[in-house]
Amino acid sequence: MALAYLLCVAGSLVVLAVALRRPAPATPPKAPAPAPAALPPTAEAEVRVILAAAAQLAARLDTAA
């Protein structure tokens, strides 16, 4: 019984030591990637297809509700 008690106390001390240790110094965040200067020429057509699909889905969901 005493051995179990000592193991419990030792485990508690380990958990306490881990919880109270000093955190590692923070590394500075990476700089964000630069934004593209302009969209590629095919982007407009892709955006129109996505918007048309979204409008069709909204119409289907509207009639289903």
PDB file of N, CA and C in Angstrom:
ATOM      1  N   MET A   1       0.825  -1.196   0.000  1.00  0.00           N
ATOM      2  CA  MET A   1       0.000   0.000   0.000  1.00  0.00           C
ATOM      3  C   MET A   1       0.870   1.260   0.000  1.00  0.00           C
ATOM      4  N   ALA A   2       1.954   1.200   0.739  1.00  0.00           N
ATOM      5  CA  ALA A   2       2.845   2.353   0.796  1.00  0.00           C
ATOM      6  C   ALA A   2       3.515   2.590  -0.558  1.00  0.00           C
ATOM      7  N   LEU A   3       3.790   1.500  -1.277  1.00  0.00           N
ATOM      8  CA  LEU A   3       4.416   1.640  -2.586  1.00  0.00           C
ATOM      9  C   LEU A   3       3.469   2.347  -3.561  1.00  0.00           C
ATOM     10  N   ALA A   4       2.190   1.997  -3.512  1.00  0.00           N
ATOM     11  CA  ALA A   4       1.214   2.641  -4.380  1.00  0.00           C
ATOM     12  C   ALA A   4       1.103   4.123  -4.048  1.00  0.00           C
ATOM     13  N   TYR A   5       1.137   4.457  -2.773  1.00  0.00           N
ATOM     14  CA  TYR A   5       1.074   5.853  -2.355  1.00  0.00           C
ATOM     15  C   TYR A   5       2.288   6.621  -2.865  1.00  0.00           C
ATOM     16  N   LEU A   6       3.483   6.035  -2.719  1.00  0.00           N
ATOM     17  CA  LEU A   6       4.701   6.709  -3.176  1.00  0.00           C
ATOM     18  C   LEU A   6       4.705   6.875  -4.689  1.00  0.00           C
ATOM     19  N   LEU A   7       4.195   5.890  -5.434  1.00  0.00           N
ATOM     20  CA  LEU A   7       4.097   6.018  -6.885  1.00  0.00           C
ATOM     21  C   LEU A   7       3.123   7.120  -7.276  1.00  0.00           C
ATOM     22  N   CYS A   8       2.046   7.227  -6.543  1.00  0.00           N
ATOM     23  CA  CYS A   8       1.060   8.271  -6.817  1.00  0.00           C
ATOM     24  C   CYS A   8       1.657   9.655  -6.549  1.00  0.00           C
ATOM     25  N   VAL A   9       2.386   9.791  -5.455  1.00  0.00           N
ATOM     26  CA  VAL A   9       3.019  11.069  -5.135  1.00  0.00           C
ATOM     27  C   VAL A   9       4.079  11.402  -6.177  1.00  0.00           C
ATOM     28  N   ALA A  10       4.872  10.412  -6.591  1.00  0.00           N
ATOM     29  CA  ALA A  10       5.905  10.650  -7.594  1.00  0.00           C
ATOM     30  C   ALA A  10       5.268  11.057  -8.922  1.00  0.00           C
ATOM     31  N   GLY A  11       4.206  10.387  -9.303  1.00  0.00           N
ATOM     32  CA  GLY A  11       3.508  10.755 -10.535  1.00  0.00           C
ATOM     33  C   GLY A  11       2.947  12.160 -10.459  1.00  0.00           C
ATOM     34  N   SER A  12       2.409  12.525  -9.334  1.00  0.00           N
ATOM     35  CA  SER A  12       1.871  13.874  -9.156  1.00  0.00           C
ATOM     36  C   SER A  12       2.972  14.919  -9.258  1.00  0.00           C
ATOM     37  N   LEU A  13       4.147  14.613  -8.695  1.00  0.00           N
ATOM     38  CA  LEU A  13       5.260  15.562  -8.782  1.00  0.00           C
ATOM     39  C   LEU A  13       5.746  15.717 -10.222  1.00  0.00           C
ATOM     40  N   VAL A  14       5.734  14.635 -10.973  1.00  0.00           N
ATOM     41  CA  VAL A  14       6.133  14.723 -12.384  1.00  0.00           C
ATOM     42  C   VAL A  14       5.143  15.584 -13.149  1.00  0.00           C
ATOM     43  N   VAL A  15       3.855  15.376 -12.929  1.00  0.00           N
ATOM     44  CA  VAL A  15       2.839  16.181 -13.610  1.00  0.00           C
ATOM     45  C   VAL A  15       2.974  17.643 -13.221  1.00  0.00           C
ATOM     46  N   LEU A  16       3.219  17.917 -11.965  1.00  0.00           N
ATOM     47  CA  LEU A  16       3.396  19.290 -11.497  1.00  0.00           C
ATOM     48  C   LEU A  16       4.636  19.922 -12.124  1.00  0.00           C
ATOM     49  N   ALA A  17       5.722  19.181 -12.219  1.00  0.00           N
ATOM     50  CA  ALA A  17       6.949  19.714 -12.815  1.00  0.00           C
ATOM     51  C   ALA A  17       6.745  20.032 -14.286  1.00  0.00           C
ATOM     52  N   VAL A  18       6.038  19.174 -14.996  1.00  0.00           N
ATOM     53  CA  VAL A  18       5.778  19.431 -16.412  1.00  0.00           C
ATOM     54  C   VAL A  18       4.879  20.650 -16.572  1.00  0.00           C
ATOM     55  N   ALA A  19       3.882  20.784 -15.702  1.00  0.00           N
ATOM     56  CA  ALA A  19       2.950  21.907 -15.809  1.00  0.00           C
ATOM     57  C   ALA A  19       3.615  23.238 -15.471  1.00  0.00           C
ATOM     58  N   LEU A  20       4.602  23.219 -14.602  1.00  0.00           N
ATOM     59  CA  LEU A  20       5.213  24.475 -14.146  1.00  0.00           C
ATOM     60  C   LEU A  20       6.497  24.824 -14.878  1.00  0.00           C
ATOM     61  N   ARG A  21       6.925  24.004 -15.815  1.00  0.00           N
ATOM     62  CA  ARG A  21       8.166  24.326 -16.519  1.00  0.00           C
ATOM     63  C   ARG A  21       7.966  25.565 -17.384  1.00  0.00           C
ATOM     64  N   ARG A  22       9.063  26.234 -17.660  1.00  0.00           N
ATOM     65  CA  ARG A  22       9.003  27.456 -18.452  1.00  0.00           C
ATOM     66  C   ARG A  22       8.774  27.097 -19.913  1.00  0.00           C
ATOM     67  N   PRO A  23       7.911  27.839 -20.573  1.00  0.00           N
ATOM     68  CA  PRO A  23       7.675  27.537 -21.995  1.00  0.00           C
ATOM     69  C   PRO A  23       8.893  27.899 -22.838  1.00  0.00           C
ATOM     70  N   ALA A  24       9.049  27.213 -23.942  1.00  0.00           N
ATOM     71  CA  ALA A  24      10.143  27.505 -24.854  1.00  0.00           C
ATOM     72  C   ALA A  24       9.918  28.886 -25.469  1.00  0.00           C
ATOM     73  N   PRO A  25      10.995  29.589 -25.783  1.00  0.00           N
ATOM     74  CA  PRO A  25      10.812  30.915 -26.391  1.00  0.00           C
ATOM     75  C   PRO A  25      10.081  30.795 -27.725  1.00  0.00           C
ATOM     76  N   ALA A  26       9.186  31.706 -27.938  1.00  0.00           N
ATOM     77  CA  ALA A  26       8.367  31.673 -29.151  1.00  0.00           C
ATOM     78  C   ALA A  26       9.203  32.086 -30.355  1.00  0.00           C
ATOM     79  N   THR A  27       9.007  31.379 -31.437  1.00  0.00           N
ATOM     80  CA  THR A  27       9.691  31.751 -32.673  1.00  0.00           C
ATOM     81  C   THR A  27       8.848  32.808 -33.384  1.00  0.00           C
ATOM     82  N   PRO A  28       9.480  33.745 -34.056  1.00  0.00           N
ATOM     83  CA  PRO A  28       8.696  34.772 -34.740  1.00  0.00           C
ATOM     84  C   PRO A  28       7.877  34.158 -35.869  1.00  0.00           C
ATOM     85  N   PRO A  29       6.678  34.644 -36.090  1.00  0.00           N
ATOM     86  CA  PRO A  29       5.833  34.074 -37.155  1.00  0.00           C
ATOM     87  C   PRO A  29       6.422  34.338 -38.532  1.00  0.00           C
ATOM     88  N   LYS A  30       6.127  33.431 -39.450  1.00  0.00           N
ATOM     89  CA  LYS A  30       6.604  33.598 -40.815  1.00  0.00           C
ATOM     90  C   LYS A  30       5.804  34.700 -41.503  1.00  0.00           C
ATOM     91  N   ALA A  31       6.472  35.379 -42.409  1.00  0.00           N
ATOM     92  CA  ALA A  31       5.798  36.434 -43.166  1.00  0.00           C
ATOM     93  C   ALA A  31       4.792  35.790 -44.122  1.00  0.00           C
ATOM     94  N   PRO A  32       3.626  36.392 -44.285  1.00  0.00           N
ATOM     95  CA  PRO A  32       2.641  35.811 -45.204  1.00  0.00           C
ATOM     96  C   PRO A  32       3.125  35.882 -46.646  1.00  0.00           C
ATOM     97  N   ALA A  33       2.635  34.963 -47.441  1.00  0.00           N
ATOM     98  CA  ALA A  33       3.009  34.939 -48.852  1.00  0.00           C
ATOM     99  C   ALA A  33       2.423  36.168 -49.544  1.00  0.00           C
ATOM    100  N   PRO A  34       3.151  36.740 -50.468  1.00  0.00           N
ATOM    101  CA  PRO A  34       2.616  37.925 -51.156  1.00  0.00           C
ATOM    102  C   PRO A  34       1.409  37.562 -52.018  1.00  0.00           C
ATOM    103  N   ALA A  35       0.472  38.465 -52.078  1.00  0.00           N
ATOM    104  CA  ALA A  35      -0.730  38.244 -52.884  1.00  0.00           C
ATOM    105  C   ALA A  35      -0.382  38.358 -54.365  1.00  0.00           C
ATOM    106  N   PRO A  36      -1.074  37.602 -55.199  1.00  0.00           N
ATOM    107  CA  PRO A  36      -0.791  37.716 -56.637  1.00  0.00           C
ATOM    108  C   PRO A  36      -1.198  39.094 -57.152  1.00  0.00           C
ATOM    109  N   ALA A  37      -0.496  39.552 -58.145  1.00  0.00           N
ATOM    110  CA  ALA A  37      -0.767  40.884 -58.686  1.00  0.00           C
ATOM    111  C   ALA A  37      -2.130  40.937 -59.360  1.00  0.00           C
ATOM    112  N   ALA A  38      -2.507  39.865 -60.045  1.00  0.00           N
ATOM    113  CA  ALA A  38      -3.796  39.825 -60.735  1.00  0.00           C
ATOM    114  C   ALA A  38      -4.224  38.366 -60.882  1.00  0.00           C
ATOM    115  N   LEU A  39      -5.508  38.179 -61.094  1.00  0.00           N
ATOM    116  CA  LEU A  39      -6.006  36.830 -61.310  1.00  0.00           C
ATOM    117  C   LEU A  39      -5.614  36.351 -62.710  1.00  0.00           C
ATOM    118  N   PRO A  40      -5.443  35.048 -62.870  1.00  0.00           N
ATOM    119  CA  PRO A  40      -5.135  34.551 -64.212  1.00  0.00           C
ATOM    120  C   PRO A  40      -6.307  34.808 -65.160  1.00  0.00           C
ATOM    121  N   PRO A  41      -6.069  34.814 -66.452  1.00  0.00           N
ATOM    122  CA  PRO A  41      -7.132  35.145 -67.409  1.00  0.00           C
ATOM    123  C   PRO A  41      -8.307  34.170 -67.378  1.00  0.00           C
ATOM    124  N   THR A  42      -8.079  32.919 -67.008  1.00  0.00           N
ATOM    125  CA  THR A  42      -9.173  31.940 -66.995  1.00  0.00           C
ATOM    126  C   THR A  42      -9.998  32.011 -65.716  1.00  0.00           C
ATOM    127  N   ALA A  43      -9.588  32.825 -64.765  1.00  0.00           N
ATOM    128  CA  ALA A  43     -10.280  32.868 -63.480  1.00  0.00           C
ATOM    129  C   ALA A  43     -11.702  33.402 -63.613  1.00  0.00           C
ATOM    130  N   GLU A  44     -11.916  34.358 -64.505  1.00  0.00           N
ATOM    131  CA  GLU A  44     -13.253  34.935 -64.642  1.00  0.00           C
ATOM    132  C   GLU A  44     -14.269  33.877 -65.071  1.00  0.00           C
ATOM    133  N   ALA A  45     -13.884  33.032 -66.012  1.00  0.00           N
ATOM    134  CA  ALA A  45     -14.798  31.983 -66.470  1.00  0.00           C
ATOM    135  C   ALA A  45     -15.069  30.973 -65.357  1.00  0.00           C
ATOM    136  N   GLU A  46     -14.034  30.633 -64.592  1.00  0.00           N
ATOM    137  CA  GLU A  46     -14.221  29.685 -63.500  1.00  0.00           C
ATOM    138  C   GLU A  46     -15.140  30.262 -62.426  1.00  0.00           C
ATOM    139  N   VAL A  47     -14.990  31.536 -62.125  1.00  0.00           N
ATOM    140  CA  VAL A  47     -15.840  32.176 -61.126  1.00  0.00           C
ATOM    141  C   VAL A  47     -17.291  32.184 -61.600  1.00  0.00           C
ATOM    142  N   ARG A  48     -17.501  32.453 -62.887  1.00  0.00           N
ATOM    143  CA  ARG A  48     -18.866  32.455 -63.420  1.00  0.00           C
ATOM    144  C   ARG A  48     -19.497  31.065 -63.336  1.00  0.00           C
ATOM    145  N   VAL A  49     -18.723  30.016 -63.601  1.00  0.00           N
ATOM    146  CA  VAL A  49     -19.244  28.651 -63.493  1.00  0.00           C
ATOM    147  C   VAL A  49     -19.610  28.332 -62.049  1.00  0.00           C
ATOM    148  N   ILE A  50     -18.766  28.730 -61.123  1.00  0.00           N
ATOM    149  CA  ILE A  50     -19.042  28.475 -59.703  1.00  0.00           C
ATOM    150  C   ILE A  50     -20.290  29.226 -59.263  1.00  0.00           C
ATOM    151  N   LEU A  51     -20.434  30.477 -59.665  1.00  0.00           N
ATOM    152  CA  LEU A  51     -21.614  31.254 -59.288  1.00  0.00           C
ATOM    153  C   LEU A  51     -22.883  30.688 -59.910  1.00  0.00           C
ATOM    154  N   ALA A  52     -22.796  30.200 -61.141  1.00  0.00           N
ATOM    155  CA  ALA A  52     -23.964  29.592 -61.774  1.00  0.00           C
ATOM    156  C   ALA A  52     -24.364  28.313 -61.047  1.00  0.00           C
ATOM    157  N   ALA A  53     -23.398  27.509 -60.659  1.00  0.00           N
ATOM    158  CA  ALA A  53     -23.696  26.285 -59.918  1.00  0.00           C
ATOM    159  C   ALA A  53     -24.308  26.608 -58.562  1.00  0.00           C
ATOM    160  N   ALA A  54     -23.813  27.647 -57.908  1.00  0.00           N
ATOM    161  CA  ALA A  54     -24.368  28.051 -56.619  1.00  0.00           C
ATOM    162  C   ALA A  54     -25.799  28.544 -56.770  1.00  0.00           C
ATOM    163  N   ALA A  55     -26.084  29.264 -57.847  1.00  0.00           N
ATOM    164  CA  ALA A  55     -27.447  29.750 -58.090  1.00  0.00           C
ATOM    165  C   ALA A  55     -28.389  28.579 -58.365  1.00  0.00           C
ATOM    166  N   GLN A  56     -27.922  27.577 -59.119  1.00  0.00           N
ATOM    167  CA  GLN A  56     -28.757  26.403 -59.385  1.00  0.00           C
ATOM    168  C   GLN A  56     -29.040  25.641 -58.104  1.00  0.00           C
ATOM    169  N   LEU A  57     -28.027  25.484 -57.270  1.00  0.00           N
ATOM    170  CA  LEU A  57     -28.216  24.783 -55.997  1.00  0.00           C
ATOM    171  C   LEU A  57     -29.179  25.526 -55.103  1.00  0.00           C
ATOM    172  N   ALA A  58     -29.051  26.861 -55.064  1.00  0.00           N
ATOM    173  CA  ALA A  58     -29.961  27.660 -54.238  1.00  0.00           C
ATOM    174  C   ALA A  58     -31.394  27.528 -54.736  1.00  0.00           C
ATOM    175  N   ALA A  59     -31.585  27.486 -56.040  1.00  0.00           N
ATOM    176  CA  ALA A  59     -32.934  27.329 -56.591  1.00  0.00           C
ATOM    177  C   ALA A  59     -33.522  25.966 -56.227  1.00  0.00           C
ATOM    178  N   ARG A  60     -32.704  24.917 -56.301  1.00  0.00           N
ATOM    179  CA  ARG A  60     -33.190  23.583 -55.924  1.00  0.00           C
ATOM    180  C   ARG A  60     -33.559  23.516 -54.441  1.00  0.00           C
ATOM    181  N   LEU A  61     -32.709  24.109 -53.596  1.00  0.00           N
ATOM    182  CA  LEU A  61     -32.985  24.073 -52.173  1.00  0.00           C
ATOM    183  C   LEU A  61     -34.198  24.937 -51.820  1.00  0.00           C
ATOM    184  N   ASP A  62     -34.409  26.005 -52.573  1.00  0.00           N
ATOM    185  CA  ASP A  62     -35.571  26.870 -52.327  1.00  0.00           C
ATOM    186  C   ASP A  62     -36.869  26.141 -52.634  1.00  0.00           C
ATOM    187  N   THR A  63     -36.868  25.385 -53.749  1.00  0.00           N
ATOM    188  CA  THR A  63     -38.097  24.655 -54.099  1.00  0.00           C
ATOM    189  C   THR A  63     -38.311  23.453 -53.177  1.00  0.00           C
ATOM    190  N   ALA A  64     -37.230  22.892 -52.639  1.00  0.00           N
ATOM    191  CA  ALA A  64     -37.354  21.749 -51.725  1.00  0.00           C
ATOM    192  C   ALA A  64     -37.876  22.194 -50.368  1.00  0.00           C
ATOM    193  N   ALA A  65     -37.618  23.411 -49.977  1.00  0.00           N
ATOM    194  CA  ALA A  65     -38.056  23.892 -48.664  1.00  0.00           C
ATOM    195  C   ALA A  65     -39.469  24.336 -48.779  1.00  0.00           C
TER     196      ALA A  65
END
